[in-house]
C-alpha atoms as a PDB file:
ATOM      1  CA  MET A   1       0.000   0.000   0.000  1.00  0.00           C
ATOM      2  CA  LYS A   2       2.834   2.346   0.869  1.00  0.00           C
ATOM      3  CA  THR A   3       4.434   1.659  -2.499  1.00  0.00           C
ATOM      4  CA  ARG A   4       1.233   2.560  -4.339  1.00  0.00           C
ATOM      5  CA  ILE A   5       0.984   5.813  -2.414  1.00  0.00           C
ATOM      6  CA  MET A   6       4.550   6.670  -3.283  1.00  0.00           C
ATOM      7  CA  ILE A   7       4.036   5.955  -7.006  1.00  0.00           C
ATOM      8  CA  LEU A   8       0.905   8.114  -6.970  1.00  0.00           C
ATOM      9  CA  ALA A   9       2.856  10.876  -5.306  1.00  0.00           C
ATOM     10  CA  CYS A  10       5.527  10.438  -7.936  1.00  0.00           C
ATOM     11  CA  LEU A  11       3.040  10.938 -10.771  1.00  0.00           C
ATOM     12  CA  LEU A  12       1.580  13.995  -9.058  1.00  0.00           C
ATOM     13  CA  ALA A  13       5.084  15.345  -8.731  1.00  0.00           C
ATOM     14  CA  VAL A  14       5.814  15.095 -12.474  1.00  0.00           C
ATOM     15  CA  PRO A  15       4.746  18.708 -13.235  1.00  0.00           C
ATOM     16  CA  ALA A  16       6.984  19.973 -10.450  1.00  0.00           C
ATOM     17  CA  GLY A  17       9.787  17.846 -11.778  1.00  0.00           C
ATOM     18  CA  ARG A  18       9.340  19.288 -15.243  1.00  0.00           C
ATOM     19  CA  MET A  19       9.443  22.844 -13.924  1.00  0.00           C
ATOM     20  CA  ALA A  20      12.625  22.093 -12.041  1.00  0.00           C
ATOM     21  CA  ALA A  21      14.111  20.439 -15.099  1.00  0.00           C
ATOM     22  CA  GLN A  22      13.383  23.443 -17.289  1.00  0.00           C
ATOM     23  CA  GLN A  23      15.658  25.534 -15.071  1.00  0.00           C
ATOM     24  CA  GLN A  24      18.663  23.289 -15.806  1.00  0.00           C
ATOM     25  CA  THR A  25      20.752  23.261 -18.932  1.00  0.00           C
ATOM     26  CA  ASP A  26      22.474  19.871 -18.811  1.00  0.00           C
ATOM     27  CA  PRO A  27      21.238  17.245 -21.381  1.00  0.00           C
ATOM     28  CA  GLU A  28      19.778  14.926 -18.732  1.00  0.00           C
ATOM     29  CA  GLN A  29      17.785  16.931 -16.170  1.00  0.00           C
ATOM     30  CA  LYS A  30      17.048  15.680 -12.669  1.00  0.00           C
ATOM     31  CA  ALA A  31      14.581  16.526  -9.900  1.00  0.00           C
ATOM     32  CA  THR A  32      14.301  14.897  -6.466  1.00  0.00           C
ATOM     33  CA  VAL A  33      11.157  14.801  -4.302  1.00  0.00           C
ATOM     34  CA  GLN A  34      11.382  13.819  -0.622  1.00  0.00           C
ATOM     35  CA  THR A  35       8.364  12.224   1.074  1.00  0.00           C
ATOM     36  CA  GLN A  36       8.449  10.901   4.654  1.00  0.00           C
ATOM     37  CA  GLY A  37      12.106   9.900   4.441  1.00  0.00           C
ATOM     38  CA  ASP A  38      11.743   8.176   1.075  1.00  0.00           C
ATOM     39  CA  SER A  39      13.060   9.561  -2.220  1.00  0.00           C
ATOM     40  CA  ILE A  40      11.533   9.964  -5.664  1.00  0.00           C
ATOM     41  CA  ILE A  41      14.033  10.796  -8.414  1.00  0.00           C
ATOM     42  CA  ILE A  42      12.818  12.084 -11.776  1.00  0.00           C
ATOM     43  CA  ARG A  43      15.259  12.137 -14.701  1.00  0.00           C
ATOM     44  CA  LYS A  44      14.216  13.777 -17.953  1.00  0.00           C
ATOM     45  CA  GLY A  45      16.203  12.955 -21.093  1.00  0.00           C
ATOM     46  CA  LYS A  46      15.502  13.408 -24.772  1.00  0.00           C
ATOM     47  CA  GLY A  47      12.067  12.023 -25.562  1.00  0.00           C
ATOM     48  CA  ASP A  48      11.430  10.190 -22.277  1.00  0.00           C
ATOM     49  CA  MET A  49      11.088  10.593 -18.506  1.00  0.00           C
ATOM     50  CA  ARG A  50      12.417   8.074 -15.970  1.00  0.00           C
ATOM     51  CA  ILE A  51      10.963   7.863 -12.460  1.00  0.00           C
ATOM     52  CA  LYS A  52      12.692   5.914  -9.671  1.00  0.00           C
ATOM     53  CA  VAL A  53      11.227   5.388  -6.194  1.00  0.00           C
ATOM     54  CA  TYR A  54      13.471   4.562  -3.191  1.00  0.00           C
ATOM     55  CA  GLU A  55      12.242   3.360   0.213  1.00  0.00           C
ATOM     56  CA  GLU A  56      14.111   3.515   3.529  1.00  0.00           C
ATOM     57  CA  GLN A  57      14.758   0.011   4.816  1.00  0.00           C
ATOM     58  CA  LEU A  58      16.667  -1.267   7.802  1.00  0.00           C
ATOM     59  CA  GLU A  59      19.614  -3.494   6.878  1.00  0.00           C
ATOM     60  CA  ASP A  60      22.178  -4.689   9.450  1.00  0.00           C
ATOM     61  CA  GLY A  61      20.963  -2.044  11.866  1.00  0.00           C
ATOM     62  CA  GLU A  62      21.466   0.724   9.311  1.00  0.00           C
ATOM     63  CA  LYS A  63      18.903   2.682   7.350  1.00  0.00           C
ATOM     64  CA  LYS A  64      19.429   2.413   3.607  1.00  0.00           C
ATOM     65  CA  GLU A  65      17.445   3.577   0.560  1.00  0.00           C
ATOM     66  CA  VAL A  66      16.434   0.626  -1.611  1.00  0.00           C
ATOM     67  CA  GLN A  67      14.954   1.070  -5.128  1.00  0.00           C
ATOM     68  CA  ILE A  68      11.455  -0.386  -5.218  1.00  0.00           C
ATOM     69  CA  TYR A  69      10.062   1.036  -8.487  1.00  0.00           C
ATOM     70  CA  GLU A  70      11.248   2.360 -11.841  1.00  0.00           C
ATOM     71  CA  GLY A  71       9.072   3.606 -14.711  1.00  0.00           C
ATOM     72  CA  VAL A  72       9.796   5.039 -18.157  1.00  0.00           C
ATOM     73  CA  TYR A  73       7.293   7.409 -19.807  1.00  0.00           C
ATOM     74  CA  LEU A  74       7.793   8.229 -23.463  1.00  0.00           C
ATOM     75  CA  GLU A  75       7.113  11.829 -24.335  1.00  0.00           C
ATOM     76  CA  LYS A  76       4.791  12.544 -27.305  1.00  0.00           C
ATOM     77  CA  VAL A  77       6.320  14.951 -29.789  1.00  0.00           C
ATOM     78  CA  ASP A  78       3.881  17.425 -31.335  1.00  0.00           C
ATOM     79  CA  ALA A  79       5.536  18.044 -34.706  1.00  0.00           C
ATOM     80  CA  ASP A  80       4.377  20.682 -37.138  1.00  0.00           C
ATOM     81  CA  LYS A  81       3.374  18.334 -39.937  1.00  0.00           C
ATOM     82  CA  ARG A  82       1.434  19.621 -42.911  1.00  0.00           C
ATOM     83  CA  THR A  83       2.189  16.933 -45.503  1.00  0.00           C
ATOM     84  CA  PHE A  84      -0.072  13.889 -45.336  1.00  0.00           C
ATOM     85  CA  LEU A  85      -0.568  10.600 -47.143  1.00  0.00           C
ATOM     86  CA  ASP A  86      -4.231  10.367 -48.025  1.00  0.00           C
ATOM     87  CA  ALA A  87      -3.960   6.571 -48.440  1.00  0.00           C
ATOM     88  CA  LEU A  88      -6.438   4.662 -50.553  1.00  0.00           C
ATOM     89  CA  PRO A  89      -9.544   6.683 -51.440  1.00  0.00           C
ATOM     90  CA  PHE A  90     -11.915   4.064 -50.039  1.00  0.00           C
ATOM     91  CA  ILE A  91     -10.508   4.167 -46.494  1.00  0.00           C
ATOM     92  CA  PRO A  92     -12.621   6.437 -44.232  1.00  0.00           C
ATOM     93  CA  LYS A  93     -10.724   9.479 -42.977  1.00  0.00           C
ATOM     94  CA  LYS A  94     -11.506  11.803 -40.079  1.00  0.00           C
ATOM     95  CA  ARG A  95     -11.286  15.522 -40.825  1.00  0.00           C
ATOM     96  CA  ARG A  96     -11.316  18.465 -38.464  1.00  0.00           C
ATOM     97  CA  TYR A  97     -14.030  21.021 -39.132  1.00  0.00           C
ATOM     98  CA  ASN A  98     -11.698  23.742 -40.425  1.00  0.00           C
ATOM     99  CA  ALA A  99      -8.962  21.471 -41.770  1.00  0.00           C
ATOM    100  CA  TYR A 100      -7.793  21.481 -45.380  1.00  0.00           C
ATOM    101  CA  GLU A 101      -9.655  18.817 -47.396  1.00  0.00           C
ATOM    102  CA  PRO A 102      -7.933  17.736 -50.640  1.00  0.00           C
ATOM    103  CA  HIS A 103     -10.059  16.917 -53.692  1.00  0.00           C
ATOM    104  CA  CYS A 104      -7.923  14.400 -55.523  1.00  0.00           C
ATOM    105  CA  SER A 105      -8.890  10.872 -54.428  1.00  0.00           C
ATOM    106  CA  GLY A 106     -12.034   9.398 -55.898  1.00  0.00           C
ATOM    107  CA  LEU A 107     -13.873   8.227 -59.001  1.00  0.00           C
ATOM    108  CA  TYR A 108     -14.466  10.131 -62.225  1.00  0.00           C
ATOM    109  CA  ILE A 109     -16.301   9.505 -65.486  1.00  0.00           C
ATOM    110  CA  GLY A 110     -16.674  11.743 -68.519  1.00  0.00           C
ATOM    111  CA  TYR A 111     -16.897  12.134 -72.271  1.00  0.00           C
ATOM    112  CA  SER A 112     -13.779  11.909 -74.460  1.00  0.00           C
ATOM    113  CA  ARG A 113     -13.263  14.172 -77.456  1.00  0.00           C
ATOM    114  CA  LEU A 114     -10.732  14.837 -80.218  1.00  0.00           C
ATOM    115  CA  ALA A 115      -9.927  18.360 -81.440  1.00  0.00           C
ATOM    116  CA  ASN A 116      -7.842  19.483 -84.414  1.00  0.00           C
ATOM    117  CA  ASP A 117      -5.305  21.368 -82.302  1.00  0.00           C
ATOM    118  CA  PHE A 118      -4.414  22.513 -78.803  1.00  0.00           C
ATOM    119  CA  LEU A 119      -7.205  24.360 -76.930  1.00  0.00           C
ATOM    120  CA  SER A 120      -9.674  23.894 -79.773  1.00  0.00           C
ATOM    121  CA  PHE A 121     -12.920  22.542 -78.346  1.00  0.00           C
ATOM    122  CA  GLY A 122     -14.641  21.786 -81.616  1.00  0.00           C
ATOM    123  CA  ALA A 123     -14.964  18.231 -82.957  1.00  0.00           C
ATOM    124  CA  SER A 124     -12.111  17.152 -85.209  1.00  0.00           C
ATOM    125  CA  ASP A 125     -12.813  16.623 -88.902  1.00  0.00           C
ATOM    126  CA  LYS A 126      -9.730  14.396 -89.209  1.00  0.00           C
ATOM    127  CA  MET A 127     -11.177  11.578 -87.089  1.00  0.00           C
ATOM    128  CA  VAL A 128     -14.941  11.775 -86.593  1.00  0.00           C
ATOM    129  CA  LEU A 129     -16.288  10.314 -83.329  1.00  0.00           C
ATOM    130  CA  ASP A 130     -19.655   9.180 -82.041  1.00  0.00           C
ATOM    131  CA  LEU A 131     -19.565  11.646 -79.148  1.00  0.00           C
ATOM    132  CA  SER A 132     -22.252   9.920 -77.070  1.00  0.00           C
ATOM    133  CA  LYS A 133     -20.219   6.667 -76.951  1.00  0.00           C
ATOM    134  CA  SER A 134     -16.731   8.089 -76.418  1.00  0.00           C
ATOM    135  CA  TRP A 135     -15.902   8.220 -72.751  1.00  0.00           C
ATOM    136  CA  GLU A 136     -13.339   7.662 -70.011  1.00  0.00           C
ATOM    137  CA  PHE A 137     -13.448   6.189 -66.517  1.00  0.00           C
ATOM    138  CA  GLY A 138     -10.848   6.329 -63.756  1.00  0.00           C
ATOM    139  CA  PHE A 139     -10.189   6.188 -60.036  1.00  0.00           C
ATOM    140  CA  ASN A 140      -7.386   7.394 -57.798  1.00  0.00           C
ATOM    141  CA  ILE A 141      -5.156   4.751 -56.256  1.00  0.00           C
ATOM    142  CA  LEU A 142      -3.143   7.037 -53.975  1.00  0.00           C
ATOM    143  CA  SER A 143      -2.836  10.703 -53.093  1.00  0.00           C
ATOM    144  CA  VAL A 144      -0.612  13.013 -51.050  1.00  0.00           C
ATOM    145  CA  TYR A 145      -1.355  16.603 -50.080  1.00  0.00           C
ATOM    146  CA  HIS A 146       0.470  19.518 -48.473  1.00  0.00           C
ATOM    147  CA  ASN A 147      -1.305  22.325 -46.618  1.00  0.00           C
ATOM    148  CA  PHE A 148       0.478  25.707 -46.545  1.00  0.00           C
ATOM    149  CA  LYS A 149       1.235  26.817 -42.948  1.00  0.00           C
ATOM    150  CA  LYS A 150      -1.968  25.252 -41.634  1.00  0.00           C
ATOM    151  CA  ASN A 151      -3.981  27.561 -43.892  1.00  0.00           C
ATOM    152  CA  PRO A 152      -7.274  25.738 -44.589  1.00  0.00           C
ATOM    153  CA  HIS A 153      -7.751  27.560 -47.922  1.00  0.00           C
ATOM    154  CA  TRP A 154      -4.634  26.598 -49.929  1.00  0.00           C
ATOM    155  CA  GLY A 155      -2.777  23.365 -50.593  1.00  0.00           C
ATOM    156  CA  ILE A 156      -1.099  21.147 -53.183  1.00  0.00           C
ATOM    157  CA  ASN A 157      -2.502  17.728 -54.140  1.00  0.00           C
ATOM    158  CA  LEU A 158      -0.585  14.941 -55.846  1.00  0.00           C
ATOM    159  CA  GLY A 159      -2.222  11.679 -56.865  1.00  0.00           C
ATOM    160  CA  VAL A 160      -1.972   8.508 -58.921  1.00  0.00           C
ATOM    161  CA  SER A 161      -4.983   7.311 -60.906  1.00  0.00           C
ATOM    162  CA  TRP A 162      -5.674   4.438 -63.277  1.00  0.00           C
ATOM    163  CA  GLY A 163      -8.401   4.141 -65.864  1.00  0.00           C
ATOM    164  CA  TYR A 164      -9.688   3.498 -69.364  1.00  0.00           C
ATOM    165  CA  ARG A 165     -10.464   5.767 -72.322  1.00  0.00           C
ATOM    166  CA  SER A 166     -12.381   4.886 -75.487  1.00  0.00           C
ATOM    167  CA  PHE A 167     -12.878   6.875 -78.713  1.00  0.00           C
ATOM    168  CA  ASN A 168     -15.856   5.507 -80.656  1.00  0.00           C
ATOM    169  CA  ILE A 169     -15.499   6.143 -84.400  1.00  0.00           C
ATOM    170  CA  ASP A 170     -18.665   7.237 -86.200  1.00  0.00           C
ATOM    171  CA  GLY A 171     -19.859   5.884 -89.545  1.00  0.00           C
ATOM    172  CA  ASN A 172     -18.229   3.438 -91.937  1.00  0.00           C
ATOM    173  CA  TYR A 173     -14.680   4.114 -90.783  1.00  0.00           C
ATOM    174  CA  ALA A 174     -11.889   2.414 -88.832  1.00  0.00           C
ATOM    175  CA  LEU A 175      -8.397   3.277 -87.685  1.00  0.00           C
ATOM    176  CA  LEU A 176      -5.999   0.886 -89.378  1.00  0.00           C
ATOM    177  CA  LYS A 177      -2.259   0.370 -89.056  1.00  0.00           C
ATOM    178  CA  GLU A 178      -0.624   0.455 -92.497  1.00  0.00           C
ATOM    179  CA  ASN A 179       2.905   1.170 -93.764  1.00  0.00           C
ATOM    180  CA  GLY A 180       4.178   2.449 -90.426  1.00  0.00           C
ATOM    181  CA  THR A 181       1.277   4.843 -89.784  1.00  0.00           C
ATOM    182  CA  SER A 182      -2.236   4.833 -88.319  1.00  0.00           C
ATOM    183  CA  ILE A 183      -4.710   5.704 -91.088  1.00  0.00           C
ATOM    184  CA  PHE A 184      -8.333   6.777 -90.664  1.00  0.00           C
ATOM    185  CA  THR A 185      -9.859   4.581 -93.366  1.00  0.00           C
ATOM    186  CA  ALA A 186     -13.321   4.613 -94.966  1.00  0.00           C
ATOM    187  CA  GLY A 187     -15.134   1.420 -95.899  1.00  0.00           C
ATOM    188  CA  ASN A 188     -15.994   0.496 -99.492  1.00  0.00           C
ATOM    189  CA  GLU A 189     -18.192  -1.922-101.399  1.00  0.00           C
ATOM    190  CA  GLU A 190     -16.041  -4.903-100.412  1.00  0.00           C
ATOM    191  CA  THR A 191     -15.218  -3.960 -96.835  1.00  0.00           C
ATOM    192  CA  SER A 192     -17.469  -2.132 -94.399  1.00  0.00           C
ATOM    193  CA  TYR A 193     -16.660  -1.025 -90.852  1.00  0.00           C
ATOM    194  CA  ASN A 194     -19.016  -0.339 -87.964  1.00  0.00           C
ATOM    195  CA  LYS A 195     -18.754   0.148 -84.206  1.00  0.00           C
ATOM    196  CA  SER A 196     -15.066   0.930 -84.630  1.00  0.00           C
ATOM    197  CA  ARG A 197     -13.127   2.396 -81.723  1.00  0.00           C
ATOM    198  CA  LEU A 198      -9.674   3.213 -80.412  1.00  0.00           C
ATOM    199  CA  ARG A 199      -9.068   2.521 -76.745  1.00  0.00           C
ATOM    200  CA  HIS A 200      -6.214   2.691 -74.249  1.00  0.00           C
ATOM    201  CA  PHE A 201      -5.604   2.341 -70.519  1.00  0.00           C
ATOM    202  CA  PHE A 202      -3.683   4.939 -68.552  1.00  0.00           C
ATOM    203  CA  PHE A 203      -1.900   5.905 -65.379  1.00  0.00           C
ATOM    204  CA  ARG A 204      -2.212   9.605 -64.495  1.00  0.00           C
ATOM    205  CA  VAL A 205      -0.280  11.666 -61.953  1.00  0.00           C
ATOM    206  CA  PRO A 206      -1.945  15.063 -61.312  1.00  0.00           C
ATOM    207  CA  VAL A 207      -0.149  17.868 -59.435  1.00  0.00           C
ATOM    208  CA  LEU A 208      -2.818  20.395 -58.464  1.00  0.00           C
ATOM    209  CA  MET A 209      -2.870  23.714 -56.644  1.00  0.00           C
ATOM    210  CA  GLU A 210      -6.151  23.969 -54.727  1.00  0.00           C
ATOM    211  CA  TRP A 211      -8.177  26.770 -53.162  1.00  0.00           C
ATOM    212  CA  GLN A 212     -11.194  26.060 -50.972  1.00  0.00           C
ATOM    213  CA  GLN A 213     -13.652  27.955 -48.805  1.00  0.00           C
ATOM    214  CA  ARG A 214     -16.272  26.601 -46.427  1.00  0.00           C
ATOM    215  CA  VAL A 215     -19.827  27.556 -47.384  1.00  0.00           C
ATOM    216  CA  GLY A 216     -22.395  26.114 -45.014  1.00  0.00           C
ATOM    217  CA  ARG A 217     -21.599  22.552 -44.009  1.00  0.00           C
ATOM    218  CA  ARG A 218     -19.263  21.855 -46.948  1.00  0.00           C
ATOM    219  CA  LYS A 219     -16.566  23.547 -49.004  1.00  0.00           C
ATOM    220  CA  VAL A 220     -16.486  25.167 -52.407  1.00  0.00           C
ATOM    221  CA  PHE A 221     -13.204  24.328 -54.138  1.00  0.00           C
ATOM    222  CA  PHE A 222     -11.207  24.883 -57.300  1.00  0.00           C
ATOM    223  CA  ASN A 223      -7.934  23.256 -58.296  1.00  0.00           C
ATOM    224  CA  ALA A 224      -5.802  23.166 -61.435  1.00  0.00           C
ATOM    225  CA  GLY A 225      -2.393  22.032 -62.626  1.00  0.00           C
ATOM    226  CA  PRO A 226      -0.453  19.681 -64.908  1.00  0.00           C
ATOM    227  CA  GLU A 227      -1.144  15.975 -65.129  1.00  0.00           C
ATOM    228  CA  PHE A 228       1.318  13.390 -66.449  1.00  0.00           C
ATOM    229  CA  GLU A 229      -0.238  10.486 -68.355  1.00  0.00           C
ATOM    230  CA  ILE A 230       1.255   7.080 -69.247  1.00  0.00           C
ATOM    231  CA  ARG A 231      -0.763   5.214 -71.885  1.00  0.00           C
ATOM    232  CA  HIS A 232      -0.728   1.448 -72.301  1.00  0.00           C
ATOM    233  CA  GLY A 233      -2.816  -1.346 -73.829  1.00  0.00           C
ATOM    234  CA  VAL A 234      -3.587   0.685 -76.983  1.00  0.00           C
ATOM    235  CA  LYS A 235      -5.813  -1.173 -79.493  1.00  0.00           C
ATOM    236  CA  SER A 236      -8.040  -0.396 -82.463  1.00  0.00           C
ATOM    237  CA  PHE A 237     -11.211  -2.478 -82.924  1.00  0.00           C
ATOM    238  CA  SER A 238     -13.844  -2.804 -85.633  1.00  0.00           C
ATOM    239  CA  HIS A 239     -16.758  -5.001 -86.748  1.00  0.00           C
ATOM    240  CA  ILE A 240     -15.832  -5.817 -90.365  1.00  0.00           C
ATOM    241  CA  ASN A 241     -18.671  -6.650 -92.778  1.00  0.00           C
ATOM    242  CA  GLY A 242     -21.068  -7.076 -89.864  1.00  0.00           C
ATOM    243  CA  GLY A 243     -18.938  -9.743 -88.199  1.00  0.00           C
ATOM    244  CA  LYS A 244     -17.668 -10.028 -84.659  1.00  0.00           C
ATOM    245  CA  LYS A 245     -15.428  -7.431 -83.096  1.00  0.00           C
ATOM    246  CA  LYS A 246     -11.875  -7.759 -84.358  1.00  0.00           C
ATOM    247  CA  THR A 247      -8.597  -6.173 -83.333  1.00  0.00           C
ATOM    248  CA  VAL A 248      -7.269  -4.370 -86.409  1.00  0.00           C
ATOM    249  CA  GLY A 249      -4.186  -2.825 -84.802  1.00  0.00           C
ATOM    250  CA  LYS A 250      -2.155  -2.527 -81.601  1.00  0.00           C
ATOM    251  CA  GLY A 251      -0.045   0.370 -80.363  1.00  0.00           C
ATOM    252  CA  MET A 252      -1.295   2.515 -83.254  1.00  0.00           C
ATOM    253  CA  TYR A 253       1.717   4.848 -82.859  1.00  0.00           C
ATOM    254  CA  VAL A 254      -0.018   6.632 -79.995  1.00  0.00           C
ATOM    255  CA  GLN A 255       2.240   8.839 -77.842  1.00  0.00           C
ATOM    256  CA  PRO A 256       3.103   6.622 -74.826  1.00  0.00           C
ATOM    257  CA  VAL A 257       3.417   9.651 -72.531  1.00  0.00           C
ATOM    258  CA  GLY A 258       1.213  12.729 -72.451  1.00  0.00           C
ATOM    259  CA  ILE A 259       0.964  15.923 -70.430  1.00  0.00           C
ATOM    260  CA  ASN A 260      -2.516  17.216 -69.666  1.00  0.00           C
ATOM    261  CA  LEU A 261      -3.890  20.382 -68.122  1.00  0.00           C
ATOM    262  CA  LEU A 262      -6.507  19.507 -65.501  1.00  0.00           C
ATOM    263  CA  ALA A 263      -9.009  21.829 -63.824  1.00  0.00           C
ATOM    264  CA  GLN A 264     -11.646  20.804 -61.273  1.00  0.00           C
ATOM    265  CA  ALA A 265     -14.339  22.660 -59.350  1.00  0.00           C
ATOM    266  CA  GLY A 266     -17.154  21.621 -57.071  1.00  0.00           C
ATOM    267  CA  TYR A 267     -18.895  21.624 -53.730  1.00  0.00           C
ATOM    268  CA  GLY A 268     -18.384  19.040 -51.002  1.00  0.00           C
ATOM    269  CA  ASN A 269     -17.578  15.619 -52.468  1.00  0.00           C
ATOM    270  CA  ILE A 270     -19.010  16.269 -55.947  1.00  0.00           C
ATOM    271  CA  GLY A 271     -17.279  18.171 -58.721  1.00  0.00           C
ATOM    272  CA  ILE A 272     -16.756  18.611 -62.435  1.00  0.00           C
ATOM    273  CA  TYR A 273     -13.500  18.460 -64.371  1.00  0.00           C
ATOM    274  CA  LEU A 274     -11.945  19.458 -67.683  1.00  0.00           C
ATOM    275  CA  ARG A 275      -8.819  17.710 -68.968  1.00  0.00           C
ATOM    276  CA  TYR A 276      -6.898  18.775 -72.086  1.00  0.00           C
ATOM    277  CA  SER A 277      -3.800  17.242 -73.653  1.00  0.00           C
ATOM    278  CA  THR A 278      -1.046  19.730 -74.422  1.00  0.00           C
ATOM    279  CA  TYR A 279       0.002  17.923 -77.622  1.00  0.00           C
ATOM    280  CA  GLY A 280      -1.306  15.408 -80.179  1.00  0.00           C
ATOM    281  CA  LEU A 281      -2.438  11.863 -79.463  1.00  0.00           C
ATOM    282  CA  PHE A 282      -0.277  10.277 -82.174  1.00  0.00           C
ATOM    283  CA  GLN A 283       3.435  10.457 -82.789  1.00  0.00           C
ATOM    284  CA  LYS A 284       4.535  13.022 -85.373  1.00  0.00           C
ATOM    285  CA  ASP A 285       3.630  11.956 -88.932  1.00  0.00           C
ATOM    286  CA  LYS A 286       2.391   8.596 -87.576  1.00  0.00           C
ATOM    287  CA  GLY A 287      -1.328   9.315 -87.420  1.00  0.00           C
ATOM    288  CA  PRO A 288      -4.073  11.978 -87.581  1.00  0.00           C
ATOM    289  CA  GLU A 289      -3.127  15.302 -85.974  1.00  0.00           C
ATOM    290  CA  VAL A 290      -5.703  15.342 -83.191  1.00  0.00           C
ATOM    291  CA  SER A 291      -5.576  16.451 -79.534  1.00  0.00           C
ATOM    292  CA  PRO A 292      -7.681  14.590 -76.948  1.00  0.00           C
ATOM    293  CA  TYR A 293      -9.660  16.284 -74.206  1.00  0.00           C
ATOM    294  CA  SER A 294     -12.397  15.180 -71.812  1.00  0.00           C
ATOM    295  CA  PHE A 295     -14.877  16.562 -69.310  1.00  0.00           C
ATOM    296  CA  GLY A 296     -17.153  14.958 -66.765  1.00  0.00           C
ATOM    297  CA  VAL A 297     -18.070  14.520 -63.116  1.00  0.00           C
ATOM    298  CA  ALA A 298     -16.055  13.298 -60.136  1.00  0.00           C
ATOM    299  CA  TRP A 299     -16.911  11.894 -56.723  1.00  0.00           C
ATOM    300  CA  TYR A 300     -14.162  12.669 -54.188  1.00  0.00           C
ATOM    301  CA  LEU A 301     -13.751  10.116 -51.376  1.00  0.00           C
END
């Protein structure tokens, strides 16, 4: 019972020990508390605190202090961290009311388009698409964000997404691979094409500057920045003469790496996006001179 009382007294004495330790300059600081002839010694080092309790005992007719308890308490370091791993988008995350909330992880789906040149939003006449059946789908695998000096309005988001994009070719046309180039070819009396499309998978790495402001229970946000795209699994398909779907070309001289401009805006967990490639889809002189872009909706998790 006496030991328990002494340990309790030791814990109550910790604040006093800390105050005494703050007045010393040596690396390992020490404070001693006397209680009814017994001693409590508190040593504070880097990152921990050691507490030893000694009790007076009678040995060979002499009073001696014998150690009866020792405890080590690790000190929690409150670091000023503003860079965070957002982990997988499907893992629930707790947010503080006024904390910065990145809009990068989630699902998105939208329409895919082809324009004649950079920042031209009209449909290309070099490769005509069925716009209602040309689309893309993707989801973020991982994201990291950095909040500037704990300011809840500004931050940088970086993510990794994977997805699929399909361009559905309209009319009696197909994209064929001939003589080292990809050629947009029309059908004839002997060969007809329908339901033709060009598709590829992608990995995308967006780097976005974001601004946000709480309005009511949720936040209005806007972010924009470059996005690096790695394309793979490129194939051209067509139904020839009404038959089954057939692969008519692979690779198709599509640029394996692209750089997009991405802009997103929304409220809460729902937003819209616009993505535009900064240069053509095909390698120089290897296919139609067209620039892809897309727009759609996103659900941020």
